[in-house]
Amino acid sequence: MMPPSPVFKRGDVVLVLYPNSNLTTAKTRPALVIQADDIQTGLSQIVVAMISSQMSRGGHPSRVSVARGSHEWLKSGLLLDSVVMTDNIATVMHAAVHRVIGELPMIEVDKSLRFTLGL
């Protein structure tokens, strides 16, 4: 019998082995779960958006800044000021997720996703 797949919720901040854009290397970093809850694809994978601590990447409609000390940051599990990059998304296997470290609200992220995906 196979063990049950982990349950990740939309808005969870996870530590994950995130693929670099060259698709040959990866780095453990925080990412935000952006897929719908209970999507039930039958696949052990989730769709996530990269989170970067390089604040110079902020200030674009496809990105959401999370300021250190803000209410959102306090619940996120992040250690530094960060930017959620909805223009850098990936599908990763559940096995690549180390753990859930926190959560972020999705209101601003959803606006950025609509911009990024032209919805």
C-alpha atoms as a PDB file:
ATOM      1  CA  MET A   1       0.000   0.000   0.000  1.00  0.00           C
ATOM      2  CA  MET A   2       1.347   3.433  -0.941  1.00  0.00           C
ATOM      3  CA  PRO A   3       1.584   6.151   1.722  1.00  0.00           C
ATOM      4  CA  PRO A   4      -0.832   9.051   1.230  1.00  0.00           C
ATOM      5  CA  SER A   5       0.441  12.052  -0.706  1.00  0.00           C
ATOM      6  CA  PRO A   6       1.180  15.133   1.385  1.00  0.00           C
ATOM      7  CA  VAL A   7      -1.535  17.767   1.355  1.00  0.00           C
ATOM      8  CA  PHE A   8      -0.397  21.238   0.375  1.00  0.00           C
ATOM      9  CA  LYS A   9      -2.774  24.188   0.424  1.00  0.00           C
ATOM     10  CA  ARG A  10      -2.927  27.179  -1.868  1.00  0.00           C
ATOM     11  CA  GLY A  11      -0.997  29.928  -0.079  1.00  0.00           C
ATOM     12  CA  ASP A  12       1.410  27.582   1.726  1.00  0.00           C
ATOM     13  CA  VAL A  13       5.020  28.738   1.750  1.00  0.00           C
ATOM     14  CA  VAL A  14       7.196  25.677   1.250  1.00  0.00           C
ATOM     15  CA  LEU A  15      10.908  24.958   1.178  1.00  0.00           C
ATOM     16  CA  VAL A  16      11.441  23.137  -2.085  1.00  0.00           C
ATOM     17  CA  LEU A  17      14.154  22.002  -4.440  1.00  0.00           C
ATOM     18  CA  TYR A  18      13.317  24.602  -7.108  1.00  0.00           C
ATOM     19  CA  PRO A  19      14.554  24.098 -10.671  1.00  0.00           C
ATOM     20  CA  ASN A  20      16.699  26.820 -12.232  1.00  0.00           C
ATOM     21  CA  SER A  21      15.591  28.110 -15.619  1.00  0.00           C
ATOM     22  CA  ASN A  22      18.275  25.993 -17.323  1.00  0.00           C
ATOM     23  CA  LEU A  23      16.355  22.909 -16.064  1.00  0.00           C
ATOM     24  CA  THR A  24      19.609  21.122 -15.248  1.00  0.00           C
ATOM     25  CA  THR A  25      20.261  22.525 -11.778  1.00  0.00           C
ATOM     26  CA  ALA A  26      18.124  23.308  -8.751  1.00  0.00           C
ATOM     27  CA  LYS A  27      18.363  25.119  -5.425  1.00  0.00           C
ATOM     28  CA  THR A  28      16.493  24.710  -2.150  1.00  0.00           C
ATOM     29  CA  ARG A  29      14.467  27.879  -1.700  1.00  0.00           C
ATOM     30  CA  PRO A  30      11.067  29.072  -0.521  1.00  0.00           C
ATOM     31  CA  ALA A  31       8.161  28.965  -2.947  1.00  0.00           C
ATOM     32  CA  LEU A  32       4.449  29.667  -2.762  1.00  0.00           C
ATOM     33  CA  VAL A  33       1.836  27.018  -3.601  1.00  0.00           C
ATOM     34  CA  ILE A  34      -0.377  28.660  -6.251  1.00  0.00           C
ATOM     35  CA  GLN A  35      -2.478  25.771  -7.584  1.00  0.00           C
ATOM     36  CA  ALA A  36      -6.098  25.260  -6.587  1.00  0.00           C
ATOM     37  CA  ASP A  37      -6.828  23.174  -3.511  1.00  0.00           C
ATOM     38  CA  ASP A  38      -8.131  19.656  -4.172  1.00  0.00           C
ATOM     39  CA  ILE A  39      -7.136  19.776  -7.845  1.00  0.00           C
ATOM     40  CA  GLN A  40      -7.074  15.930  -7.820  1.00  0.00           C
ATOM     41  CA  THR A  41      -4.941  15.316 -10.903  1.00  0.00           C
ATOM     42  CA  GLY A  42      -3.726  11.994  -9.591  1.00  0.00           C
ATOM     43  CA  LEU A  43      -0.135  13.239  -9.900  1.00  0.00           C
ATOM     44  CA  SER A  44       2.193  13.762  -6.936  1.00  0.00           C
ATOM     45  CA  GLN A  45       3.110  17.288  -7.917  1.00  0.00           C
ATOM     46  CA  ILE A  46       2.241  20.917  -7.117  1.00  0.00           C
ATOM     47  CA  VAL A  47       2.487  24.219  -8.950  1.00  0.00           C
ATOM     48  CA  VAL A  48       4.550  26.842  -7.109  1.00  0.00           C
ATOM     49  CA  ALA A  49       5.880  30.366  -7.618  1.00  0.00           C
ATOM     50  CA  MET A  50       9.479  31.181  -6.711  1.00  0.00           C
ATOM     51  CA  ILE A  51      10.200  33.447  -3.741  1.00  0.00           C
ATOM     52  CA  SER A  52      13.372  35.532  -3.843  1.00  0.00           C
ATOM     53  CA  SER A  53      15.048  37.655  -1.179  1.00  0.00           C
ATOM     54  CA  GLN A  54      16.540  39.906  -3.863  1.00  0.00           C
ATOM     55  CA  MET A  55      14.286  42.922  -3.442  1.00  0.00           C
ATOM     56  CA  SER A  56      15.640  44.485  -6.633  1.00  0.00           C
ATOM     57  CA  ARG A  57      13.390  41.972  -8.425  1.00  0.00           C
ATOM     58  CA  GLY A  58      10.270  43.644  -6.975  1.00  0.00           C
ATOM     59  CA  GLY A  59       8.304  46.561  -8.341  1.00  0.00           C
ATOM     60  CA  HIS A  60       6.805  44.717 -11.318  1.00  0.00           C
ATOM     61  CA  PRO A  61       3.089  43.843 -11.678  1.00  0.00           C
ATOM     62  CA  SER A  62       3.986  40.141 -11.862  1.00  0.00           C
ATOM     63  CA  ARG A  63       5.673  40.269  -8.453  1.00  0.00           C
ATOM     64  CA  VAL A  64       4.479  40.747  -4.879  1.00  0.00           C
ATOM     65  CA  SER A  65       6.782  42.164  -2.212  1.00  0.00           C
ATOM     66  CA  VAL A  66       6.533  40.857   1.344  1.00  0.00           C
ATOM     67  CA  ALA A  67       8.133  43.319   3.760  1.00  0.00           C
ATOM     68  CA  ARG A  68       9.917  42.061   6.862  1.00  0.00           C
ATOM     69  CA  GLY A  69       7.866  42.778   9.961  1.00  0.00           C
ATOM     70  CA  SER A  70       4.537  43.042   8.073  1.00  0.00           C
ATOM     71  CA  HIS A  71       1.569  40.955   9.189  1.00  0.00           C
ATOM     72  CA  GLU A  72       1.929  38.798   6.056  1.00  0.00           C
ATOM     73  CA  TRP A  73       5.668  38.293   6.601  1.00  0.00           C
ATOM     74  CA  LEU A  74       5.161  37.238  10.223  1.00  0.00           C
ATOM     75  CA  LYS A  75       2.972  34.302   9.106  1.00  0.00           C
ATOM     76  CA  SER A  76       5.103  33.384   6.081  1.00  0.00           C
ATOM     77  CA  GLY A  77       8.043  31.686   7.773  1.00  0.00           C
ATOM     78  CA  LEU A  78      10.378  33.762   5.577  1.00  0.00           C
ATOM     79  CA  LEU A  79      13.580  35.116   7.117  1.00  0.00           C
ATOM     80  CA  LEU A  80      14.092  38.212   4.950  1.00  0.00           C
ATOM     81  CA  ASP A  81      12.204  40.770   2.885  1.00  0.00           C
ATOM     82  CA  SER A  82      11.031  38.739  -0.091  1.00  0.00           C
ATOM     83  CA  VAL A  83       9.398  38.885  -3.511  1.00  0.00           C
ATOM     84  CA  VAL A  84       6.885  36.315  -4.778  1.00  0.00           C
ATOM     85  CA  MET A  85       7.609  35.981  -8.495  1.00  0.00           C
ATOM     86  CA  THR A  86       4.483  34.870 -10.351  1.00  0.00           C
ATOM     87  CA  ASP A  87       6.466  35.167 -13.577  1.00  0.00           C
ATOM     88  CA  ASN A  88       8.673  32.295 -12.381  1.00  0.00           C
ATOM     89  CA  ILE A  89       6.455  29.268 -11.735  1.00  0.00           C
ATOM     90  CA  ALA A  90       7.253  25.577 -11.745  1.00  0.00           C
ATOM     91  CA  THR A  91       5.595  22.215 -11.277  1.00  0.00           C
ATOM     92  CA  VAL A  92       7.520  20.168  -8.727  1.00  0.00           C
ATOM     93  CA  MET A  93       7.106  16.690  -7.334  1.00  0.00           C
ATOM     94  CA  HIS A  94       5.854  16.358  -3.756  1.00  0.00           C
ATOM     95  CA  ALA A  95       9.160  14.617  -2.971  1.00  0.00           C
ATOM     96  CA  ALA A  96      11.015  17.875  -3.786  1.00  0.00           C
ATOM     97  CA  VAL A  97       9.197  19.698  -0.981  1.00  0.00           C
ATOM     98  CA  HIS A  98      11.158  19.665   2.281  1.00  0.00           C
ATOM     99  CA  ARG A  99       8.408  21.160   4.442  1.00  0.00           C
ATOM    100  CA  VAL A 100       5.748  23.856   4.821  1.00  0.00           C
ATOM    101  CA  ILE A 101       7.204  26.876   6.647  1.00  0.00           C
ATOM    102  CA  GLY A 102       4.250  29.278   6.662  1.00  0.00           C
ATOM    103  CA  GLU A 103       1.518  30.844   4.573  1.00  0.00           C
ATOM    104  CA  LEU A 104       0.742  33.989   2.607  1.00  0.00           C
ATOM    105  CA  PRO A 105      -2.596  35.557   1.640  1.00  0.00           C
ATOM    106  CA  MET A 106      -3.427  35.160  -2.033  1.00  0.00           C
ATOM    107  CA  ILE A 107      -5.240  38.449  -2.839  1.00  0.00           C
ATOM    108  CA  GLU A 108      -2.190  40.331  -4.202  1.00  0.00           C
ATOM    109  CA  VAL A 109      -0.673  37.138  -5.595  1.00  0.00           C
ATOM    110  CA  ASP A 110      -3.871  36.457  -7.550  1.00  0.00           C
ATOM    111  CA  LYS A 111      -3.664  39.958  -9.079  1.00  0.00           C
ATOM    112  CA  SER A 112      -0.084  39.266 -10.106  1.00  0.00           C
ATOM    113  CA  LEU A 113      -0.993  35.862 -11.522  1.00  0.00           C
ATOM    114  CA  ARG A 114      -3.749  37.443 -13.620  1.00  0.00           C
ATOM    115  CA  PHE A 115      -1.185  39.918 -14.998  1.00  0.00           C
ATOM    116  CA  THR A 116       1.428  37.227 -15.645  1.00  0.00           C
ATOM    117  CA  LEU A 117      -0.983  34.844 -17.357  1.00  0.00           C
ATOM    118  CA  GLY A 118      -3.056  37.473 -19.168  1.00  0.00           C
ATOM    119  CA  LEU A 119      -6.303  36.438 -17.453  1.00  0.00           C
END
